[in-house]
Structure formats: structure tokens, C-alpha cells
Protein backbone atom coordinates (compact mmCIF):
# COMPACT_ATOMS: atom_id res chain seq x y z
CA MET A 1 25.10 -14.34 -23.38
CA LYS A 2 23.09 -13.11 -26.33
CA LYS A 3 20.92 -10.00 -26.20
CA ILE A 4 17.59 -10.25 -27.94
CA LEU A 5 14.60 -7.84 -28.18
CA VAL A 6 11.15 -8.90 -29.26
CA LEU A 7 9.84 -6.10 -30.80
CA CYS A 8 6.16 -5.27 -31.72
CA THR A 9 3.51 -3.04 -31.27
CA GLY A 10 1.89 -2.43 -28.35
CA ASN A 11 4.31 -5.12 -26.46
CA SER A 12 0.79 -7.12 -25.23
CA CYS A 13 0.63 -10.38 -26.61
CA ARG A 14 2.85 -11.46 -29.32
CA SER A 15 6.04 -10.23 -27.63
CA GLN A 16 5.10 -10.78 -24.47
CA LEU A 17 4.74 -14.47 -25.97
CA MET A 18 7.96 -14.73 -27.34
CA GLU A 19 9.55 -13.54 -24.52
CA GLY A 20 9.02 -16.28 -22.18
CA TYR A 21 9.35 -19.15 -24.73
CA LEU A 22 12.66 -17.83 -25.45
CA ARG A 23 13.56 -17.07 -21.79
CA HIS A 24 12.36 -20.26 -21.70
CA PHE A 25 14.81 -22.56 -24.26
CA ALA A 26 17.77 -20.41 -24.49
CA GLY A 27 17.87 -20.44 -20.82
CA ASP A 28 21.19 -18.66 -19.87
CA ARG A 29 22.17 -18.69 -23.60
CA ALA A 30 20.30 -15.57 -23.92
CA ALA A 31 19.02 -12.36 -21.73
CA VAL A 32 15.25 -11.76 -23.40
CA TYR A 33 13.58 -8.28 -23.39
CA SER A 34 10.50 -7.58 -25.16
CA ALA A 35 9.14 -3.72 -26.31
CA GLY A 36 6.84 -2.22 -28.27
CA VAL A 37 6.60 1.14 -30.40
CA GLU A 38 3.89 1.33 -28.15
CA THR A 39 3.12 0.27 -24.85
CA HIS A 40 -0.65 -1.20 -24.29
CA GLY A 41 0.20 -3.02 -21.09
CA VAL A 42 0.43 -7.17 -20.83
CA ASN A 43 -2.77 -8.89 -21.99
CA PRO A 44 -3.95 -10.92 -19.24
CA LYS A 45 -5.06 -13.37 -22.07
CA ALA A 46 -1.73 -13.40 -22.28
CA ILE A 47 -0.50 -14.64 -19.35
CA GLN A 48 -3.73 -16.97 -18.73
CA VAL A 49 -2.77 -18.82 -22.00
CA MET A 50 0.90 -19.00 -20.60
CA ALA A 51 0.02 -20.31 -17.37
CA GLU A 52 -1.58 -23.32 -19.61
CA ASP A 53 1.54 -24.21 -20.68
CA GLY A 54 3.68 -23.81 -17.48
CA ILE A 55 5.29 -20.66 -18.65
CA ASP A 56 4.21 -17.80 -15.78
CA ILE A 57 5.06 -14.28 -17.69
CA SER A 58 2.72 -12.53 -15.17
CA GLY A 59 6.01 -10.34 -13.74
CA HIS A 60 6.16 -9.04 -17.20
CA THR A 61 6.19 -5.46 -18.23
CA SER A 62 4.55 -3.19 -21.31
CA ASN A 63 7.95 -1.45 -22.05
CA HIS A 64 8.53 1.22 -25.12
CA VAL A 65 11.31 0.33 -27.57
CA ASP A 66 13.23 3.76 -26.20
CA GLU A 67 13.49 2.14 -23.36
CA TYR A 68 16.43 -0.06 -24.31
CA ALA A 69 18.14 2.67 -26.74
CA ASP A 70 21.56 1.70 -24.68
CA VAL A 71 20.99 -1.74 -25.24
CA ALA A 72 24.08 -3.32 -27.74
CA PHE A 73 21.44 -6.16 -28.58
CA ASP A 74 22.80 -8.90 -30.73
CA VAL A 75 19.13 -10.03 -32.17
CA VAL A 76 16.17 -7.95 -32.65
CA ILE A 77 13.08 -9.73 -33.63
CA THR A 78 10.20 -7.88 -34.91
CA VAL A 79 6.96 -10.35 -34.57
CA CYS A 80 4.23 -8.32 -36.10
CA ASP A 81 4.31 -5.91 -39.45
CA HIS A 82 3.78 -3.12 -38.03
CA ALA A 83 6.50 -2.97 -36.04
CA LYS A 84 8.93 -4.06 -38.79
CA GLU A 85 7.89 -1.44 -40.54
CA ARG A 86 8.38 1.16 -37.87
CA CYS A 87 11.27 -0.51 -36.06
CA PRO A 88 14.38 1.68 -35.08
CA VAL A 89 17.69 1.73 -36.54
CA PHE A 90 19.39 0.39 -34.01
CA PRO A 91 23.55 1.59 -33.85
CA THR A 92 24.46 -1.87 -33.23
CA ARG A 93 25.63 -4.96 -35.07
CA ALA A 94 22.20 -6.84 -33.81
CA ARG A 95 21.29 -9.28 -36.52
CA GLN A 96 17.30 -8.63 -37.32
CA PHE A 97 14.81 -11.58 -37.89
CA HIS A 98 10.92 -10.96 -38.30
CA HIS A 99 7.68 -13.10 -38.03
CA ASN A 100 4.28 -11.74 -38.73
CA PHE A 101 2.10 -13.46 -35.93
CA PRO A 102 -1.67 -13.19 -35.96
CA ASP A 103 -2.80 -10.35 -33.24
CA PRO A 104 -4.66 -12.57 -31.06
CA ALA A 105 -5.87 -9.47 -29.20
CA LYS A 106 -7.88 -8.59 -32.15
CA ALA A 107 -10.21 -12.09 -31.96
CA GLN A 108 -13.35 -11.69 -31.41
CA GLY A 109 -16.48 -13.95 -31.20
CA SER A 110 -17.50 -16.37 -27.68
CA GLU A 111 -14.91 -16.38 -24.45
CA GLU A 112 -13.85 -19.64 -26.14
CA GLU A 113 -13.62 -18.63 -29.24
CA VAL A 114 -10.77 -15.95 -28.42
CA HIS A 115 -9.50 -18.41 -25.90
CA ALA A 116 -9.26 -20.70 -29.45
CA VAL A 117 -7.21 -17.44 -31.13
CA PHE A 118 -4.88 -16.82 -28.39
CA VAL A 119 -3.94 -20.90 -27.99
CA ASP A 120 -3.36 -20.79 -31.69
CA VAL A 121 -1.08 -18.19 -31.84
CA ARG A 122 0.89 -19.03 -28.65
CA ASN A 123 1.40 -22.33 -30.14
CA GLN A 124 2.78 -20.58 -33.34
CA ILE A 125 5.20 -18.61 -31.27
CA ARG A 126 6.41 -21.68 -29.02
CA THR A 127 7.32 -23.53 -32.19
CA TYR A 128 8.90 -20.36 -33.68
CA ALA A 129 11.11 -19.88 -29.93
CA LYS A 130 12.10 -22.82 -30.02
CA THR A 131 13.22 -23.95 -33.31
CA PHE A 132 14.96 -20.19 -32.73
CA ALA A 133 16.57 -21.23 -29.80
CA GLU A 134 18.22 -24.31 -30.93
CA GLU A 135 19.30 -22.88 -34.21
CA ARG A 136 20.36 -19.56 -33.64
CA LEU A 137 21.90 -19.51 -29.46
């Protein structure tokens, strides 16, 4: 079973969405964790849009990358440029992958407009996670 770390800035939205989808698509082929170079708590809107797609991430926690310093990851996926730039060097053979997804937490506008941004980013992440699981696990 591969160990995968999804890394983002605050471990509140994008990395939480990716963790949820990778767990879903990878099944028992991978143990998936997520963390941030900071911790901001799991965004309630991320929980909501995942629930709308049938994935429950309400039990996820916002973790700092230092919590996993002793885990021998096989894969590290950064989901924002900020995290990629600040990504610590892991003393493992971890393969690193990167995709810069927009930050839905920065969306502005009406409640409906913000929700639409969260859904759009969720859908982008779902597509990436599904393809990643099919091609790399």
C-alpha cells in the first residue's frame, strides 16, 4: 500500500478535497494523508461540496506537515504553488507531483457565486485524483 501526502498551504480546502477523493478512488491501494505548511482548520464549505458529491470529509483534521516528519511517504502531491515553494525535503524516496489549483477560500461574491467556485475547484480536483489513482496506483 502506497503512502500519499497531499500538501497545501493551510490544509483547509484543496488538500482536504484531494485527500477525500484520493481515498475514494484509491481504495485499499493507498493510505492518504493531508497537511499544510500552516493549519487553518477544515473549511466548512469544503465539507459541504464534498458531501454534495457523496464524499464525507467531516471527520478530517487540519494537520501541519511537521506531524508527518517520520512517515516514509511514497508520493507527495502539492496542490498549490505556495506549498510547492515551501515544501520540506522529505528524507524518503517520495515521488513529488504538483498541480496548482485555484484557492476556493479566496472566492468573493454572493453565497451562490462562492459556492460555484468551490464546486468548480472540487470538480477539477476530482478529475485529477481519479486520473492519478487510475494511472499511478
